[in-house]
């Protein structure tokens, strides 16, 4: 990891279905996987999925609690796993670049290779699916910092785009 980062990120997390989100201190990973990124969030939005998960209507999530909601987000790169700087379109990305990103995908299943629909990947690493107590901890958008999976699609956001605009939905969600 590059630079000095805090050890803790504040996050709004679901601790029980149907209850208000709680503000928690969540560990920032000290090790970043190869090709992964750590970002400081600049914005995150709500999606119907967030509401269904929060209400408990998206299946049994008890093992994933506390859960950081939010999977439509924009952030500025603060640290790189080995090789990650070259995963974005050229020129190589730098600390401070603003990006949007998708869930991680396997790149090997039918949805990824044949159908070219990585959002339907059978083996994807999804945000809002793992506990904030499990590595990589920052698995949702409602946090000061976020973890970008090694195989996540990434798009650099132009400096002319204002941060107060919501993230482009097509960059984050399946149709």
N, C-alpha and C. Protein backbone atom coordinates (compact mmCIF):
# COMPACT_ATOMS: atom_id res chain seq x y z
N UNK A 1 0.83 -1.17 0.00
CA UNK A 1 0.00 0.00 0.00
C UNK A 1 0.88 1.23 0.00
N UNK A 2 0.40 2.29 -0.64
CA UNK A 2 1.18 3.51 -0.69
C UNK A 2 0.56 4.56 0.20
N UNK A 3 1.38 5.42 0.80
CA UNK A 3 0.87 6.50 1.63
C UNK A 3 0.46 6.03 3.00
N UNK A 4 0.19 7.00 3.86
CA UNK A 4 -0.24 6.70 5.21
C UNK A 4 -1.76 6.85 5.27
N UNK A 5 -2.43 5.79 5.68
CA UNK A 5 -3.88 5.78 5.77
C UNK A 5 -4.30 5.53 7.20
N UNK A 6 -5.49 5.98 7.56
CA UNK A 6 -5.98 5.65 8.90
C UNK A 6 -6.21 4.15 9.00
N UNK A 7 -6.30 3.65 10.21
CA UNK A 7 -6.55 2.23 10.44
C UNK A 7 -8.04 1.91 10.39
N UNK A 8 -8.88 2.93 10.56
CA UNK A 8 -10.32 2.74 10.68
C UNK A 8 -11.06 3.64 9.70
N UNK A 9 -12.13 3.12 9.16
CA UNK A 9 -13.06 3.88 8.31
C UNK A 9 -14.41 3.91 8.99
N UNK A 10 -15.05 5.05 9.02
CA UNK A 10 -16.42 5.13 9.54
C UNK A 10 -17.34 4.62 8.44
N UNK A 11 -18.36 3.85 8.83
CA UNK A 11 -19.29 3.29 7.86
C UNK A 11 -20.69 3.20 8.45
N UNK A 12 -21.69 3.44 7.61
CA UNK A 12 -23.08 3.23 8.00
C UNK A 12 -23.41 1.79 7.64
N UNK A 13 -23.69 0.98 8.65
CA UNK A 13 -23.85 -0.45 8.44
C UNK A 13 -25.19 -0.95 8.97
N UNK A 14 -25.70 -1.95 8.29
CA UNK A 14 -26.90 -2.65 8.73
C UNK A 14 -26.48 -3.68 9.77
N UNK A 15 -27.06 -3.61 10.96
CA UNK A 15 -26.73 -4.58 12.01
C UNK A 15 -27.86 -5.56 12.25
N UNK A 16 -29.07 -5.22 11.76
CA UNK A 16 -30.22 -6.12 11.86
C UNK A 16 -31.23 -5.69 10.79
N UNK A 17 -31.83 -6.64 10.06
CA UNK A 17 -32.82 -6.28 9.04
C UNK A 17 -33.97 -5.47 9.65
N UNK A 18 -34.39 -4.46 8.90
CA UNK A 18 -35.51 -3.64 9.34
C UNK A 18 -35.15 -2.56 10.35
N UNK A 19 -33.90 -2.48 10.75
CA UNK A 19 -33.45 -1.49 11.72
C UNK A 19 -32.69 -0.38 11.02
N UNK A 20 -32.63 0.81 11.61
CA UNK A 20 -31.82 1.89 11.02
C UNK A 20 -30.34 1.48 10.95
N UNK A 21 -29.62 2.06 9.98
CA UNK A 21 -28.19 1.81 9.87
C UNK A 21 -27.49 2.40 11.09
N UNK A 22 -26.39 1.79 11.49
CA UNK A 22 -25.60 2.27 12.62
C UNK A 22 -24.23 2.70 12.12
N UNK A 23 -23.69 3.74 12.72
CA UNK A 23 -22.36 4.22 12.39
C UNK A 23 -21.34 3.38 13.14
N UNK A 24 -20.47 2.68 12.38
CA UNK A 24 -19.48 1.78 12.97
C UNK A 24 -18.08 2.16 12.53
N UNK A 25 -17.09 1.77 13.32
CA UNK A 25 -15.69 1.85 12.92
C UNK A 25 -15.34 0.52 12.27
N UNK A 26 -14.84 0.57 11.04
CA UNK A 26 -14.51 -0.64 10.28
C UNK A 26 -13.03 -0.60 9.92
N UNK A 27 -12.39 -1.73 10.05
CA UNK A 27 -10.96 -1.84 9.74
C UNK A 27 -10.68 -1.53 8.28
N UNK A 28 -9.61 -0.81 8.02
CA UNK A 28 -9.12 -0.60 6.66
C UNK A 28 -8.05 -1.66 6.43
N UNK A 29 -8.16 -2.43 5.33
CA UNK A 29 -7.17 -3.51 5.14
C UNK A 29 -5.75 -2.96 4.99
N UNK A 30 -4.80 -3.63 5.61
CA UNK A 30 -3.40 -3.23 5.49
C UNK A 30 -2.75 -3.90 4.29
N UNK A 31 -3.38 -4.95 3.78
CA UNK A 31 -2.90 -5.65 2.59
C UNK A 31 -3.98 -5.55 1.53
N UNK A 32 -3.59 -5.14 0.34
CA UNK A 32 -4.52 -5.03 -0.78
C UNK A 32 -4.12 -6.10 -1.80
N UNK A 33 -5.11 -6.86 -2.27
CA UNK A 33 -4.84 -7.92 -3.24
C UNK A 33 -4.23 -7.33 -4.52
N UNK A 34 -3.50 -8.18 -5.24
CA UNK A 34 -2.96 -7.79 -6.53
C UNK A 34 -4.10 -7.29 -7.41
N UNK A 35 -3.92 -6.17 -8.07
CA UNK A 35 -4.86 -5.53 -8.99
C UNK A 35 -6.07 -4.90 -8.30
N UNK A 36 -6.12 -4.91 -6.98
CA UNK A 36 -7.22 -4.25 -6.25
C UNK A 36 -6.84 -2.81 -5.93
N UNK A 37 -7.83 -2.04 -5.51
CA UNK A 37 -7.62 -0.64 -5.14
C UNK A 37 -8.29 -0.35 -3.82
N UNK A 38 -7.81 0.67 -3.15
CA UNK A 38 -8.50 1.25 -2.01
C UNK A 38 -8.84 2.67 -2.42
N UNK A 39 -10.08 3.08 -2.18
CA UNK A 39 -10.53 4.41 -2.57
C UNK A 39 -11.13 5.13 -1.37
N UNK A 40 -11.10 6.45 -1.43
CA UNK A 40 -11.85 7.27 -0.48
C UNK A 40 -13.12 7.67 -1.19
N UNK A 41 -14.26 7.33 -0.60
CA UNK A 41 -15.55 7.58 -1.24
C UNK A 41 -15.82 9.08 -1.37
N UNK A 42 -16.37 9.45 -2.52
CA UNK A 42 -16.82 10.83 -2.70
C UNK A 42 -18.34 10.90 -2.80
N UNK A 43 -18.98 9.82 -3.25
CA UNK A 43 -20.44 9.76 -3.27
C UNK A 43 -20.90 8.32 -3.41
N UNK A 44 -22.12 8.08 -2.92
CA UNK A 44 -22.75 6.77 -3.05
C UNK A 44 -24.26 7.00 -3.08
N UNK A 45 -24.97 6.16 -3.81
CA UNK A 45 -26.41 6.32 -3.92
C UNK A 45 -27.12 5.05 -3.47
N UNK A 46 -28.41 5.18 -3.30
CA UNK A 46 -29.26 4.03 -2.95
C UNK A 46 -29.82 3.41 -4.21
N UNK A 47 -30.02 2.13 -4.15
CA UNK A 47 -30.63 1.35 -5.23
C UNK A 47 -31.72 0.51 -4.57
N UNK A 48 -32.64 -0.01 -5.36
CA UNK A 48 -33.67 -0.87 -4.82
C UNK A 48 -33.10 -2.05 -4.07
N UNK A 49 -31.96 -2.55 -4.52
CA UNK A 49 -31.32 -3.68 -3.85
C UNK A 49 -30.96 -3.32 -2.41
N UNK A 50 -30.44 -2.11 -2.20
CA UNK A 50 -30.10 -1.67 -0.85
C UNK A 50 -31.32 -1.72 0.06
N UNK A 51 -32.45 -1.25 -0.46
CA UNK A 51 -33.69 -1.22 0.32
C UNK A 51 -34.14 -2.64 0.66
N UNK A 52 -34.10 -3.54 -0.33
CA UNK A 52 -34.51 -4.93 -0.10
C UNK A 52 -33.60 -5.63 0.91
N UNK A 53 -32.31 -5.38 0.81
CA UNK A 53 -31.37 -5.97 1.78
C UNK A 53 -31.66 -5.42 3.17
N UNK A 54 -31.82 -4.11 3.28
CA UNK A 54 -32.06 -3.48 4.59
C UNK A 54 -33.35 -3.96 5.23
N UNK A 55 -34.37 -4.21 4.41
CA UNK A 55 -35.66 -4.68 4.92
C UNK A 55 -35.66 -6.18 5.24
N UNK A 56 -34.61 -6.89 4.80
CA UNK A 56 -34.56 -8.34 5.02
C UNK A 56 -35.28 -9.13 3.95
N UNK A 57 -35.66 -8.47 2.85
CA UNK A 57 -36.42 -9.13 1.79
C UNK A 57 -35.52 -9.75 0.72
N UNK A 58 -34.21 -9.65 0.87
CA UNK A 58 -33.29 -10.16 -0.14
C UNK A 58 -32.63 -11.47 0.29
N UNK A 59 -33.27 -12.20 1.19
CA UNK A 59 -32.70 -13.46 1.65
C UNK A 59 -32.10 -13.33 3.03
N UNK A 60 -31.58 -14.43 3.53
CA UNK A 60 -31.02 -14.46 4.87
C UNK A 60 -29.62 -13.85 4.86
N UNK A 61 -29.46 -12.73 5.52
CA UNK A 61 -28.17 -12.04 5.55
C UNK A 61 -27.55 -12.04 6.94
N UNK A 62 -28.14 -12.78 7.88
CA UNK A 62 -27.66 -12.73 9.26
C UNK A 62 -26.17 -13.03 9.39
N UNK A 63 -25.64 -13.95 8.59
CA UNK A 63 -24.22 -14.28 8.67
C UNK A 63 -23.33 -13.17 8.12
N UNK A 64 -23.90 -12.25 7.35
CA UNK A 64 -23.12 -11.16 6.74
C UNK A 64 -23.14 -9.88 7.58
N UNK A 65 -23.85 -9.88 8.69
CA UNK A 65 -23.96 -8.65 9.49
C UNK A 65 -22.73 -8.46 10.36
N UNK A 66 -22.29 -7.24 10.61
CA UNK A 66 -22.81 -6.00 10.06
C UNK A 66 -22.44 -5.87 8.58
N UNK A 67 -23.33 -5.26 7.83
CA UNK A 67 -23.20 -5.18 6.38
C UNK A 67 -23.23 -3.72 5.95
N UNK A 68 -22.19 -3.31 5.22
CA UNK A 68 -22.15 -1.95 4.68
C UNK A 68 -22.94 -1.95 3.39
N UNK A 69 -24.02 -1.20 3.35
CA UNK A 69 -24.84 -1.11 2.14
C UNK A 69 -24.22 -0.14 1.15
N UNK A 70 -24.80 -0.09 -0.05
CA UNK A 70 -24.34 0.82 -1.09
C UNK A 70 -23.42 0.12 -2.07
N UNK A 71 -23.80 0.12 -3.35
CA UNK A 71 -22.94 -0.46 -4.38
C UNK A 71 -22.93 0.38 -5.64
N UNK A 72 -23.38 1.61 -5.55
CA UNK A 72 -23.29 2.57 -6.65
C UNK A 72 -22.49 3.75 -6.10
N UNK A 73 -21.19 3.78 -6.39
CA UNK A 73 -20.35 4.76 -5.73
C UNK A 73 -19.26 5.31 -6.64
N UNK A 74 -18.72 6.43 -6.18
CA UNK A 74 -17.59 7.09 -6.82
C UNK A 74 -16.56 7.32 -5.73
N UNK A 75 -15.29 7.12 -6.06
CA UNK A 75 -14.24 7.34 -5.07
C UNK A 75 -12.94 7.76 -5.73
N UNK A 76 -12.06 8.28 -4.91
CA UNK A 76 -10.72 8.67 -5.37
C UNK A 76 -9.71 7.63 -4.88
N UNK A 77 -8.85 7.21 -5.78
CA UNK A 77 -7.86 6.18 -5.46
C UNK A 77 -6.89 6.70 -4.41
N UNK A 78 -6.71 5.91 -3.34
CA UNK A 78 -5.74 6.27 -2.30
C UNK A 78 -4.63 5.23 -2.18
N UNK A 79 -4.85 4.00 -2.67
CA UNK A 79 -3.81 2.97 -2.59
C UNK A 79 -4.06 1.90 -3.65
N UNK A 80 -2.97 1.28 -4.08
CA UNK A 80 -3.00 0.26 -5.13
C UNK A 80 -2.47 -1.07 -4.61
N UNK A 81 -3.10 -2.18 -5.03
CA UNK A 81 -2.47 -3.48 -4.92
C UNK A 81 -1.48 -3.57 -6.08
N UNK A 82 -0.54 -4.49 -6.03
CA UNK A 82 0.43 -4.63 -7.12
C UNK A 82 -0.29 -4.76 -8.45
N UNK A 83 0.16 -4.01 -9.47
CA UNK A 83 -0.38 -4.11 -10.81
C UNK A 83 -1.65 -3.32 -11.06
N UNK A 84 -2.29 -2.80 -10.03
CA UNK A 84 -3.60 -2.15 -10.20
C UNK A 84 -3.55 -0.86 -10.99
N UNK A 85 -2.45 -0.15 -10.98
CA UNK A 85 -2.37 1.13 -11.68
C UNK A 85 -2.57 0.97 -13.18
N UNK A 86 -2.34 -0.21 -13.71
CA UNK A 86 -2.43 -0.44 -15.15
C UNK A 86 -3.75 -1.04 -15.58
N UNK A 87 -4.69 -1.26 -14.65
CA UNK A 87 -5.97 -1.87 -14.98
C UNK A 87 -6.95 -0.88 -15.62
N UNK A 88 -6.74 0.42 -15.42
CA UNK A 88 -7.61 1.42 -16.03
C UNK A 88 -7.09 1.76 -17.41
N UNK A 89 -7.91 2.41 -18.20
CA UNK A 89 -7.48 2.83 -19.54
C UNK A 89 -6.23 3.70 -19.43
N UNK A 90 -5.41 3.63 -20.44
CA UNK A 90 -4.19 4.41 -20.46
C UNK A 90 -4.52 5.89 -20.55
N UNK A 91 -3.75 6.79 -19.98
CA UNK A 91 -2.53 6.49 -19.25
C UNK A 91 -2.84 5.83 -17.92
N UNK A 92 -1.82 5.28 -17.31
CA UNK A 92 -2.00 4.57 -16.04
C UNK A 92 -2.67 5.48 -15.02
N UNK A 93 -3.40 4.88 -14.10
CA UNK A 93 -4.10 5.66 -13.09
C UNK A 93 -3.13 6.09 -12.00
N UNK A 94 -3.56 7.09 -11.25
CA UNK A 94 -2.73 7.67 -10.20
C UNK A 94 -3.54 7.86 -8.94
N UNK A 95 -2.84 8.00 -7.83
CA UNK A 95 -3.52 8.38 -6.58
C UNK A 95 -4.28 9.67 -6.84
N UNK A 96 -5.49 9.73 -6.34
CA UNK A 96 -6.32 10.92 -6.51
C UNK A 96 -7.27 10.85 -7.69
N UNK A 97 -7.04 9.92 -8.63
CA UNK A 97 -7.98 9.76 -9.75
C UNK A 97 -9.34 9.34 -9.20
N UNK A 98 -10.39 9.89 -9.80
CA UNK A 98 -11.76 9.54 -9.39
C UNK A 98 -12.27 8.45 -10.32
N UNK A 99 -12.89 7.41 -9.73
CA UNK A 99 -13.37 6.28 -10.52
C UNK A 99 -14.75 5.83 -10.07
N UNK A 100 -15.42 5.11 -10.95
CA UNK A 100 -16.59 4.30 -10.62
C UNK A 100 -16.18 2.87 -10.93
N UNK A 101 -16.85 1.90 -10.30
CA UNK A 101 -16.46 0.50 -10.51
C UNK A 101 -17.65 -0.42 -10.34
N UNK A 102 -17.46 -1.64 -10.82
CA UNK A 102 -18.50 -2.67 -10.78
C UNK A 102 -18.14 -3.73 -9.75
N UNK A 103 -19.02 -4.70 -9.60
CA UNK A 103 -18.70 -5.88 -8.82
C UNK A 103 -17.53 -6.59 -9.49
N UNK A 104 -16.83 -7.46 -8.76
CA UNK A 104 -15.77 -8.26 -9.35
C UNK A 104 -16.37 -9.44 -10.10
N UNK A 105 -15.75 -9.83 -11.20
CA UNK A 105 -16.24 -10.96 -11.98
C UNK A 105 -15.11 -11.96 -12.20
N UNK A 106 -15.49 -13.21 -12.57
CA UNK A 106 -14.46 -14.25 -12.70
C UNK A 106 -13.72 -14.20 -14.03
N UNK A 107 -14.40 -13.77 -15.09
CA UNK A 107 -13.76 -13.73 -16.40
C UNK A 107 -13.64 -15.08 -17.08
N UNK A 108 -14.24 -16.14 -16.49
CA UNK A 108 -14.10 -17.49 -17.03
C UNK A 108 -15.43 -18.19 -17.32
N UNK A 109 -16.50 -17.73 -16.70
CA UNK A 109 -17.79 -18.43 -16.87
C UNK A 109 -18.47 -18.02 -18.18
N UNK A 110 -19.56 -18.68 -18.50
CA UNK A 110 -20.29 -18.39 -19.73
C UNK A 110 -20.75 -16.93 -19.79
N UNK A 111 -21.29 -16.42 -18.68
CA UNK A 111 -21.77 -15.03 -18.67
C UNK A 111 -20.65 -14.05 -18.98
N UNK A 112 -19.46 -14.30 -18.46
CA UNK A 112 -18.31 -13.41 -18.69
C UNK A 112 -17.75 -13.54 -20.11
N UNK A 113 -17.56 -14.78 -20.56
CA UNK A 113 -16.82 -15.03 -21.80
C UNK A 113 -17.72 -15.06 -23.03
N UNK A 114 -18.77 -15.84 -23.01
CA UNK A 114 -19.62 -16.02 -24.18
C UNK A 114 -20.65 -14.90 -24.29
N UNK A 115 -21.39 -14.68 -23.20
CA UNK A 115 -22.47 -13.71 -23.21
C UNK A 115 -21.98 -12.27 -23.04
N UNK A 116 -20.75 -12.11 -22.57
CA UNK A 116 -20.17 -10.79 -22.30
C UNK A 116 -21.08 -9.96 -21.39
N UNK A 117 -21.58 -10.61 -20.36
CA UNK A 117 -22.46 -9.99 -19.35
C UNK A 117 -21.86 -10.26 -17.97
N UNK A 118 -20.72 -9.63 -17.65
CA UNK A 118 -20.08 -9.93 -16.37
C UNK A 118 -20.96 -9.60 -15.16
N UNK A 119 -21.97 -8.76 -15.33
CA UNK A 119 -22.87 -8.48 -14.20
C UNK A 119 -23.71 -9.70 -13.85
N UNK A 120 -23.74 -10.71 -14.74
CA UNK A 120 -24.47 -11.95 -14.48
C UNK A 120 -23.53 -13.10 -14.12
N UNK A 121 -22.26 -12.79 -13.88
CA UNK A 121 -21.25 -13.80 -13.55
C UNK A 121 -21.71 -14.69 -12.40
N UNK A 122 -21.54 -16.00 -12.59
CA UNK A 122 -21.89 -16.97 -11.56
C UNK A 122 -20.97 -16.90 -10.34
N UNK A 123 -19.77 -16.36 -10.53
CA UNK A 123 -18.75 -16.38 -9.48
C UNK A 123 -18.34 -14.98 -9.05
N UNK A 124 -19.20 -14.00 -9.26
CA UNK A 124 -18.80 -12.62 -8.99
C UNK A 124 -18.64 -12.37 -7.49
N UNK A 125 -17.77 -11.43 -7.20
CA UNK A 125 -17.58 -10.93 -5.83
C UNK A 125 -18.43 -9.66 -5.75
N UNK A 126 -19.49 -9.75 -5.01
CA UNK A 126 -20.44 -8.64 -4.94
C UNK A 126 -20.20 -7.77 -3.72
N UNK A 127 -20.54 -6.51 -3.89
CA UNK A 127 -20.56 -5.61 -2.75
C UNK A 127 -21.84 -5.89 -1.97
N UNK A 128 -21.87 -5.52 -0.71
CA UNK A 128 -23.00 -5.75 0.18
C UNK A 128 -23.29 -7.24 0.38
N UNK A 129 -22.27 -8.07 0.34
CA UNK A 129 -22.51 -9.51 0.50
C UNK A 129 -21.66 -10.14 1.60
N UNK A 130 -20.67 -9.42 2.09
CA UNK A 130 -19.80 -9.96 3.13
C UNK A 130 -19.78 -9.02 4.32
N UNK A 131 -19.63 -9.57 5.49
CA UNK A 131 -19.61 -8.79 6.72
C UNK A 131 -18.47 -7.77 6.72
N UNK A 132 -18.73 -6.65 7.37
CA UNK A 132 -17.70 -5.62 7.55
C UNK A 132 -16.62 -6.10 8.52
N UNK A 133 -16.79 -7.27 9.09
CA UNK A 133 -15.80 -7.86 10.00
C UNK A 133 -14.90 -8.86 9.26
N UNK A 134 -15.18 -9.09 7.97
CA UNK A 134 -14.44 -10.05 7.15
C UNK A 134 -13.64 -9.32 6.07
N UNK A 135 -12.37 -9.72 5.87
CA UNK A 135 -11.53 -9.11 4.83
C UNK A 135 -12.27 -9.18 3.50
N UNK A 136 -12.29 -8.13 2.72
CA UNK A 136 -11.57 -6.86 2.83
C UNK A 136 -12.30 -5.76 3.60
N UNK A 137 -13.30 -6.11 4.39
CA UNK A 137 -13.98 -5.24 5.34
C UNK A 137 -14.86 -4.17 4.69
N UNK A 138 -14.31 -3.40 3.77
CA UNK A 138 -15.00 -2.24 3.18
C UNK A 138 -15.77 -2.66 1.94
N UNK A 139 -16.85 -3.41 2.16
CA UNK A 139 -17.58 -4.10 1.10
C UNK A 139 -18.89 -3.39 0.76
N UNK A 140 -18.89 -2.06 0.82
CA UNK A 140 -20.08 -1.30 0.48
C UNK A 140 -19.76 0.17 0.36
N UNK A 141 -20.70 0.94 -0.18
CA UNK A 141 -20.45 2.34 -0.49
C UNK A 141 -20.66 3.32 0.63
N UNK A 142 -21.40 2.95 1.67
CA UNK A 142 -21.70 3.90 2.74
C UNK A 142 -20.59 3.88 3.78
N UNK A 143 -19.40 4.23 3.35
CA UNK A 143 -18.20 4.18 4.17
C UNK A 143 -17.25 5.27 3.69
N UNK A 144 -16.36 5.69 4.57
CA UNK A 144 -15.37 6.70 4.16
C UNK A 144 -14.42 6.14 3.10
N UNK A 145 -14.08 4.86 3.22
CA UNK A 145 -13.17 4.20 2.29
C UNK A 145 -13.86 2.97 1.71
N UNK A 146 -13.42 2.56 0.54
CA UNK A 146 -13.98 1.39 -0.11
C UNK A 146 -12.90 0.55 -0.76
N UNK A 147 -13.21 -0.72 -0.94
CA UNK A 147 -12.29 -1.69 -1.54
C UNK A 147 -12.81 -2.02 -2.93
N UNK A 148 -11.95 -1.91 -3.93
CA UNK A 148 -12.30 -2.24 -5.31
C UNK A 148 -11.66 -3.58 -5.63
N UNK A 149 -12.51 -4.59 -5.88
CA UNK A 149 -12.01 -5.94 -6.12
C UNK A 149 -11.07 -5.99 -7.33
N UNK A 150 -10.12 -6.94 -7.33
CA UNK A 150 -9.15 -7.02 -8.42
C UNK A 150 -9.77 -7.13 -9.81
N UNK A 151 -10.90 -7.83 -9.93
CA UNK A 151 -11.50 -8.05 -11.26
C UNK A 151 -12.67 -7.11 -11.53
N UNK A 152 -12.86 -6.12 -10.69
CA UNK A 152 -13.96 -5.16 -10.90
C UNK A 152 -13.68 -4.31 -12.13
N UNK A 153 -14.73 -4.06 -12.91
CA UNK A 153 -14.60 -3.10 -14.01
C UNK A 153 -14.44 -1.71 -13.41
N UNK A 154 -13.61 -0.89 -14.03
CA UNK A 154 -13.33 0.45 -13.51
C UNK A 154 -13.36 1.46 -14.64
N UNK A 155 -13.87 2.62 -14.32
CA UNK A 155 -13.89 3.71 -15.29
C UNK A 155 -13.44 4.97 -14.58
N UNK A 156 -12.47 5.65 -15.17
CA UNK A 156 -12.02 6.92 -14.61
C UNK A 156 -13.08 7.97 -14.90
N UNK A 157 -13.39 8.80 -13.92
CA UNK A 157 -14.38 9.87 -14.07
C UNK A 157 -13.64 11.14 -14.46
N UNK A 158 -14.12 11.78 -15.50
CA UNK A 158 -13.48 13.02 -15.95
C UNK A 158 -13.51 14.08 -14.85
N UNK A 159 -12.50 14.91 -14.86
CA UNK A 159 -12.45 15.98 -13.85
C UNK A 159 -13.55 17.00 -14.06
N UNK A 160 -14.13 17.04 -15.26
CA UNK A 160 -15.21 18.00 -15.53
C UNK A 160 -16.55 17.55 -14.98
N UNK A 161 -16.67 16.28 -14.57
CA UNK A 161 -17.92 15.80 -13.97
C UNK A 161 -17.97 16.23 -12.51
N UNK A 162 -19.06 16.83 -12.12
CA UNK A 162 -19.20 17.29 -10.74
C UNK A 162 -19.48 16.12 -9.80
N UNK A 163 -18.86 16.15 -8.63
CA UNK A 163 -19.02 15.08 -7.65
C UNK A 163 -20.45 14.97 -7.15
N UNK A 164 -21.17 16.06 -7.07
CA UNK A 164 -22.51 16.00 -6.49
C UNK A 164 -23.49 15.24 -7.37
N UNK A 165 -23.13 14.97 -8.62
CA UNK A 165 -24.00 14.15 -9.47
C UNK A 165 -23.94 12.72 -8.98
N UNK A 166 -25.04 12.00 -9.07
CA UNK A 166 -24.98 10.59 -8.65
C UNK A 166 -24.14 9.78 -9.62
N UNK A 167 -23.59 8.66 -9.16
CA UNK A 167 -22.80 7.81 -10.04
C UNK A 167 -23.67 7.28 -11.19
N UNK A 168 -23.07 7.09 -12.36
CA UNK A 168 -23.84 6.54 -13.47
C UNK A 168 -24.28 5.12 -13.16
N UNK A 169 -25.57 4.85 -13.21
CA UNK A 169 -26.10 3.53 -12.85
C UNK A 169 -25.55 2.43 -13.75
N UNK A 170 -25.38 2.68 -15.01
CA UNK A 170 -24.92 1.63 -15.93
C UNK A 170 -23.52 1.14 -15.55
N UNK A 171 -22.76 1.92 -14.82
CA UNK A 171 -21.43 1.48 -14.43
C UNK A 171 -21.47 0.51 -13.26
N UNK A 172 -22.62 0.39 -12.58
CA UNK A 172 -22.65 -0.39 -11.35
C UNK A 172 -23.62 -1.56 -11.36
N UNK A 173 -24.77 -1.44 -11.99
CA UNK A 173 -25.84 -2.41 -11.81
C UNK A 173 -26.13 -3.17 -13.07
N UNK A 174 -26.66 -4.38 -12.87
CA UNK A 174 -27.17 -5.17 -13.99
C UNK A 174 -28.44 -4.51 -14.50
N UNK A 175 -28.79 -4.82 -15.72
CA UNK A 175 -30.00 -4.23 -16.30
C UNK A 175 -31.22 -4.74 -15.61
